[in-house]
């Protein structure tokens, strides 16, 4: 489960955790919706770097998670660096499920 860091997964009842997450994701986690890979390809093909400066007037917090294999630390740092005035916070014991876990 990419949503949680290794420390959590080492002690978690993974079946119970998956059941708890079903209402959040809207489906059983063992079932990958057909749209999922289309979303991944769209994200990989989209680069908004040139437009990040347009966000300068908006207070922005970029959160990086040390164990996030989808939004890697290098990418979250680059995002924060590209937005003038953005604040960056890195969570050491977190993965892609930051909003769920924290």
N, C-alpha and C. Protein backbone atom coordinates (compact mmCIF):
# COMPACT_ATOMS: atom_id res chain seq x y z
N UNK A 1 0.84 -1.18 0.00
CA UNK A 1 0.00 0.00 0.00
C UNK A 1 0.88 1.24 0.00
N UNK A 2 0.83 1.96 -1.09
CA UNK A 2 1.66 3.15 -1.25
C UNK A 2 1.21 4.30 -0.35
N UNK A 3 0.06 4.16 0.26
CA UNK A 3 -0.47 5.26 1.06
C UNK A 3 0.20 5.43 2.42
N UNK A 4 0.88 4.38 2.89
CA UNK A 4 1.42 4.42 4.24
C UNK A 4 2.91 4.10 4.27
N UNK A 5 3.62 4.68 5.23
CA UNK A 5 5.06 4.41 5.34
C UNK A 5 5.31 3.01 5.89
N UNK A 6 6.52 2.50 5.70
CA UNK A 6 6.86 1.15 6.15
C UNK A 6 6.57 0.89 7.63
N UNK A 7 6.79 1.86 8.50
CA UNK A 7 6.54 1.67 9.93
C UNK A 7 5.09 1.30 10.19
N UNK A 8 4.17 1.94 9.52
CA UNK A 8 2.75 1.66 9.71
C UNK A 8 2.40 0.29 9.14
N UNK A 9 2.90 0.01 7.95
CA UNK A 9 2.57 -1.26 7.30
C UNK A 9 3.16 -2.47 8.03
N UNK A 10 4.27 -2.26 8.73
CA UNK A 10 4.92 -3.38 9.43
C UNK A 10 4.05 -3.93 10.55
N UNK A 11 3.20 -3.10 11.13
CA UNK A 11 2.41 -3.53 12.28
C UNK A 11 0.90 -3.54 12.00
N UNK A 12 0.50 -3.07 10.85
CA UNK A 12 -0.93 -2.93 10.56
C UNK A 12 -1.56 -4.26 10.16
N UNK A 13 -2.83 -4.40 10.50
CA UNK A 13 -3.65 -5.47 9.95
C UNK A 13 -4.06 -4.97 8.57
N UNK A 14 -3.38 -5.43 7.54
CA UNK A 14 -3.58 -4.88 6.20
C UNK A 14 -5.00 -5.09 5.67
N UNK A 15 -5.62 -6.20 6.02
CA UNK A 15 -7.00 -6.43 5.58
C UNK A 15 -7.94 -5.42 6.21
N UNK A 16 -7.77 -5.18 7.50
CA UNK A 16 -8.61 -4.19 8.19
C UNK A 16 -8.34 -2.79 7.65
N UNK A 17 -7.08 -2.48 7.40
CA UNK A 17 -6.73 -1.18 6.86
C UNK A 17 -7.37 -1.00 5.48
N UNK A 18 -7.32 -2.02 4.65
CA UNK A 18 -7.94 -1.94 3.32
C UNK A 18 -9.44 -1.72 3.44
N UNK A 19 -10.09 -2.41 4.38
CA UNK A 19 -11.54 -2.21 4.57
C UNK A 19 -11.83 -0.78 5.04
N UNK A 20 -10.99 -0.25 5.92
CA UNK A 20 -11.19 1.12 6.42
C UNK A 20 -11.03 2.15 5.30
N UNK A 21 -10.19 1.84 4.33
CA UNK A 21 -9.92 2.79 3.25
C UNK A 21 -10.93 2.73 2.11
N UNK A 22 -11.69 1.65 2.02
CA UNK A 22 -12.66 1.50 0.93
C UNK A 22 -13.60 2.69 0.79
N UNK A 23 -14.20 3.18 1.90
CA UNK A 23 -15.11 4.33 1.74
C UNK A 23 -14.39 5.60 1.28
N UNK A 24 -13.13 5.73 1.63
CA UNK A 24 -12.37 6.91 1.22
C UNK A 24 -12.08 6.86 -0.27
N UNK A 25 -11.68 5.69 -0.76
CA UNK A 25 -11.34 5.54 -2.18
C UNK A 25 -12.57 5.25 -3.04
N UNK A 26 -13.64 4.82 -2.43
CA UNK A 26 -14.87 4.56 -3.17
C UNK A 26 -14.91 3.21 -3.87
N UNK A 27 -13.98 2.34 -3.52
CA UNK A 27 -13.97 1.01 -4.11
C UNK A 27 -13.02 0.12 -3.29
N UNK A 28 -13.16 -1.18 -3.53
CA UNK A 28 -12.26 -2.14 -2.87
C UNK A 28 -10.86 -1.90 -3.42
N UNK A 29 -9.86 -1.85 -2.54
CA UNK A 29 -8.51 -1.51 -2.97
C UNK A 29 -7.87 -2.55 -3.89
N UNK A 30 -8.33 -3.77 -3.82
CA UNK A 30 -7.79 -4.81 -4.71
C UNK A 30 -8.24 -4.61 -6.15
N UNK A 31 -9.26 -3.78 -6.35
CA UNK A 31 -9.78 -3.52 -7.69
C UNK A 31 -9.25 -2.18 -8.17
N UNK A 32 -8.50 -2.21 -9.26
CA UNK A 32 -7.97 -0.96 -9.81
C UNK A 32 -8.94 -0.45 -10.88
N UNK A 33 -9.52 0.72 -10.66
CA UNK A 33 -10.45 1.26 -11.65
C UNK A 33 -9.73 1.46 -12.99
N UNK A 34 -10.42 1.23 -14.11
CA UNK A 34 -9.80 1.37 -15.43
C UNK A 34 -9.18 2.76 -15.66
N UNK A 35 -9.70 3.75 -15.00
CA UNK A 35 -9.21 5.12 -15.20
C UNK A 35 -7.85 5.36 -14.54
N UNK A 36 -7.46 4.52 -13.59
CA UNK A 36 -6.25 4.76 -12.79
C UNK A 36 -5.00 4.93 -13.65
N UNK A 37 -4.76 4.03 -14.58
CA UNK A 37 -3.55 4.13 -15.40
C UNK A 37 -3.63 5.31 -16.37
N UNK A 38 -4.84 5.65 -16.81
CA UNK A 38 -5.00 6.84 -17.66
C UNK A 38 -4.62 8.09 -16.87
N UNK A 39 -5.00 8.12 -15.60
CA UNK A 39 -4.63 9.25 -14.76
C UNK A 39 -3.12 9.34 -14.58
N UNK A 40 -2.48 8.21 -14.35
CA UNK A 40 -1.02 8.20 -14.19
C UNK A 40 -0.34 8.70 -15.47
N UNK A 41 -0.78 8.24 -16.62
CA UNK A 41 -0.19 8.69 -17.89
C UNK A 41 -0.41 10.19 -18.09
N UNK A 42 -1.59 10.68 -17.73
CA UNK A 42 -1.87 12.11 -17.89
C UNK A 42 -0.98 12.94 -16.98
N UNK A 43 -0.79 12.49 -15.77
CA UNK A 43 0.08 13.21 -14.83
C UNK A 43 1.51 13.24 -15.35
N UNK A 44 1.98 12.09 -15.81
CA UNK A 44 3.37 12.01 -16.33
C UNK A 44 3.57 12.91 -17.55
N UNK A 45 2.53 13.09 -18.34
CA UNK A 45 2.65 13.88 -19.56
C UNK A 45 2.39 15.37 -19.38
N UNK A 46 2.04 15.79 -18.20
CA UNK A 46 1.68 17.19 -17.96
C UNK A 46 2.78 17.89 -17.18
N UNK A 47 3.22 19.03 -17.68
CA UNK A 47 4.26 19.80 -17.00
C UNK A 47 3.80 21.24 -16.86
N UNK A 48 3.53 21.65 -15.65
CA UNK A 48 3.06 23.01 -15.40
C UNK A 48 4.16 23.91 -14.86
N UNK A 49 5.40 23.47 -14.94
CA UNK A 49 6.52 24.21 -14.38
C UNK A 49 6.54 25.67 -14.83
N UNK A 50 6.32 25.90 -16.09
CA UNK A 50 6.38 27.26 -16.64
C UNK A 50 5.31 28.18 -16.07
N UNK A 51 4.26 27.63 -15.50
CA UNK A 51 3.14 28.44 -14.99
C UNK A 51 3.14 28.60 -13.47
N UNK A 52 4.07 27.95 -12.78
CA UNK A 52 4.06 27.99 -11.31
C UNK A 52 4.17 29.40 -10.75
N UNK A 53 4.90 30.27 -11.41
CA UNK A 53 5.06 31.65 -10.93
C UNK A 53 3.73 32.38 -10.85
N UNK A 54 2.74 31.94 -11.61
CA UNK A 54 1.41 32.56 -11.57
C UNK A 54 0.74 32.38 -10.20
N UNK A 55 1.25 31.48 -9.40
CA UNK A 55 0.67 31.21 -8.08
C UNK A 55 1.29 32.07 -6.98
N UNK A 56 2.15 33.00 -7.34
CA UNK A 56 2.90 33.79 -6.35
C UNK A 56 1.99 34.51 -5.36
N UNK A 57 0.82 34.96 -5.78
CA UNK A 57 -0.05 35.72 -4.89
C UNK A 57 -0.90 34.84 -3.98
N UNK A 58 -0.80 33.53 -4.15
CA UNK A 58 -1.62 32.60 -3.38
C UNK A 58 -0.76 31.94 -2.30
N UNK A 59 -1.14 32.08 -1.02
CA UNK A 59 -0.37 31.38 0.02
C UNK A 59 -0.37 29.88 -0.27
N UNK A 60 0.81 29.30 -0.36
CA UNK A 60 0.93 27.91 -0.79
C UNK A 60 1.79 27.11 0.17
N UNK A 61 1.28 25.97 0.59
CA UNK A 61 2.04 25.02 1.38
C UNK A 61 2.18 23.75 0.55
N UNK A 62 3.41 23.34 0.32
CA UNK A 62 3.68 22.10 -0.40
C UNK A 62 4.18 21.09 0.63
N UNK A 63 3.52 19.94 0.68
CA UNK A 63 3.88 18.91 1.66
C UNK A 63 4.51 17.74 0.92
N UNK A 64 5.72 17.40 1.35
CA UNK A 64 6.41 16.23 0.80
C UNK A 64 6.40 15.13 1.84
N UNK A 65 6.34 13.89 1.39
CA UNK A 65 6.36 12.74 2.28
C UNK A 65 7.55 11.86 1.91
N UNK A 66 8.39 11.59 2.89
CA UNK A 66 9.64 10.87 2.65
C UNK A 66 9.45 9.52 1.97
N UNK A 67 8.34 8.84 2.23
CA UNK A 67 8.11 7.51 1.67
C UNK A 67 7.11 7.51 0.52
N UNK A 68 6.88 8.67 -0.07
CA UNK A 68 5.93 8.76 -1.18
C UNK A 68 6.65 8.39 -2.48
N UNK A 69 6.23 7.27 -3.07
CA UNK A 69 6.85 6.82 -4.30
C UNK A 69 6.14 7.36 -5.53
N UNK A 70 5.03 8.05 -5.33
CA UNK A 70 4.30 8.64 -6.45
C UNK A 70 4.66 10.11 -6.63
N UNK A 71 4.60 10.86 -5.56
CA UNK A 71 5.01 12.27 -5.58
C UNK A 71 6.32 12.35 -4.80
N UNK A 72 7.39 11.97 -5.47
CA UNK A 72 8.70 11.86 -4.82
C UNK A 72 9.18 13.21 -4.27
N UNK A 73 10.03 13.13 -3.26
CA UNK A 73 10.54 14.32 -2.58
C UNK A 73 11.15 15.31 -3.56
N UNK A 74 11.93 14.84 -4.50
CA UNK A 74 12.55 15.75 -5.47
C UNK A 74 11.50 16.55 -6.22
N UNK A 75 10.38 15.91 -6.52
CA UNK A 75 9.30 16.59 -7.25
C UNK A 75 8.56 17.59 -6.37
N UNK A 76 8.31 17.22 -5.12
CA UNK A 76 7.60 18.16 -4.25
C UNK A 76 8.48 19.37 -3.93
N UNK A 77 9.78 19.14 -3.76
CA UNK A 77 10.70 20.27 -3.53
C UNK A 77 10.74 21.17 -4.76
N UNK A 78 10.81 20.59 -5.94
CA UNK A 78 10.82 21.38 -7.17
C UNK A 78 9.54 22.19 -7.31
N UNK A 79 8.43 21.59 -6.94
CA UNK A 79 7.15 22.31 -6.97
C UNK A 79 7.20 23.52 -6.04
N UNK A 80 7.65 23.32 -4.83
CA UNK A 80 7.75 24.43 -3.87
C UNK A 80 8.72 25.49 -4.36
N UNK A 81 9.84 25.06 -4.91
CA UNK A 81 10.84 26.02 -5.41
C UNK A 81 10.30 26.83 -6.57
N UNK A 82 9.39 26.26 -7.35
CA UNK A 82 8.84 26.95 -8.51
C UNK A 82 7.73 27.93 -8.20
N UNK A 83 7.21 27.89 -6.99
CA UNK A 83 6.12 28.80 -6.60
C UNK A 83 6.71 29.86 -5.68
N UNK A 84 6.81 31.09 -6.17
CA UNK A 84 7.39 32.14 -5.32
C UNK A 84 6.64 32.28 -4.00
N UNK A 85 7.40 32.26 -2.90
CA UNK A 85 6.81 32.43 -1.58
C UNK A 85 6.22 31.16 -0.98
N UNK A 86 6.27 30.05 -1.70
CA UNK A 86 5.69 28.80 -1.17
C UNK A 86 6.47 28.32 0.03
N UNK A 87 5.77 27.71 0.94
CA UNK A 87 6.38 27.10 2.11
C UNK A 87 6.43 25.59 1.87
N UNK A 88 7.53 24.97 2.27
CA UNK A 88 7.70 23.54 2.06
C UNK A 88 7.87 22.84 3.40
N UNK A 89 7.13 21.75 3.57
CA UNK A 89 7.23 20.93 4.77
C UNK A 89 7.42 19.49 4.31
N UNK A 90 8.37 18.80 4.93
CA UNK A 90 8.60 17.40 4.60
C UNK A 90 8.30 16.54 5.82
N UNK A 91 7.47 15.54 5.64
CA UNK A 91 7.11 14.63 6.72
C UNK A 91 7.94 13.35 6.58
N UNK A 92 8.73 13.06 7.60
CA UNK A 92 9.64 11.91 7.55
C UNK A 92 8.91 10.57 7.62
N UNK A 93 7.85 10.49 8.38
CA UNK A 93 7.17 9.22 8.59
C UNK A 93 5.82 9.22 7.88
N UNK A 94 5.86 9.49 6.58
CA UNK A 94 4.62 9.56 5.82
C UNK A 94 4.87 9.07 4.40
N UNK A 95 3.79 8.68 3.73
CA UNK A 95 3.84 8.25 2.34
C UNK A 95 2.76 9.01 1.57
N UNK A 96 2.25 8.44 0.50
CA UNK A 96 1.30 9.15 -0.36
C UNK A 96 -0.03 9.45 0.34
N UNK A 97 -0.32 8.75 1.41
CA UNK A 97 -1.59 8.94 2.11
C UNK A 97 -1.54 9.99 3.20
N UNK A 98 -0.75 11.03 3.03
CA UNK A 98 -0.62 12.08 4.04
C UNK A 98 -1.98 12.57 4.54
N UNK A 99 -2.92 12.91 3.65
CA UNK A 99 -4.20 13.41 4.16
C UNK A 99 -4.99 12.38 4.96
N UNK A 100 -4.77 11.10 4.67
CA UNK A 100 -5.47 10.05 5.39
C UNK A 100 -4.81 9.79 6.74
N UNK A 101 -3.49 9.69 6.72
CA UNK A 101 -2.76 9.34 7.92
C UNK A 101 -2.60 10.50 8.89
N UNK A 102 -2.42 11.69 8.37
CA UNK A 102 -2.15 12.85 9.22
C UNK A 102 -3.30 13.84 9.18
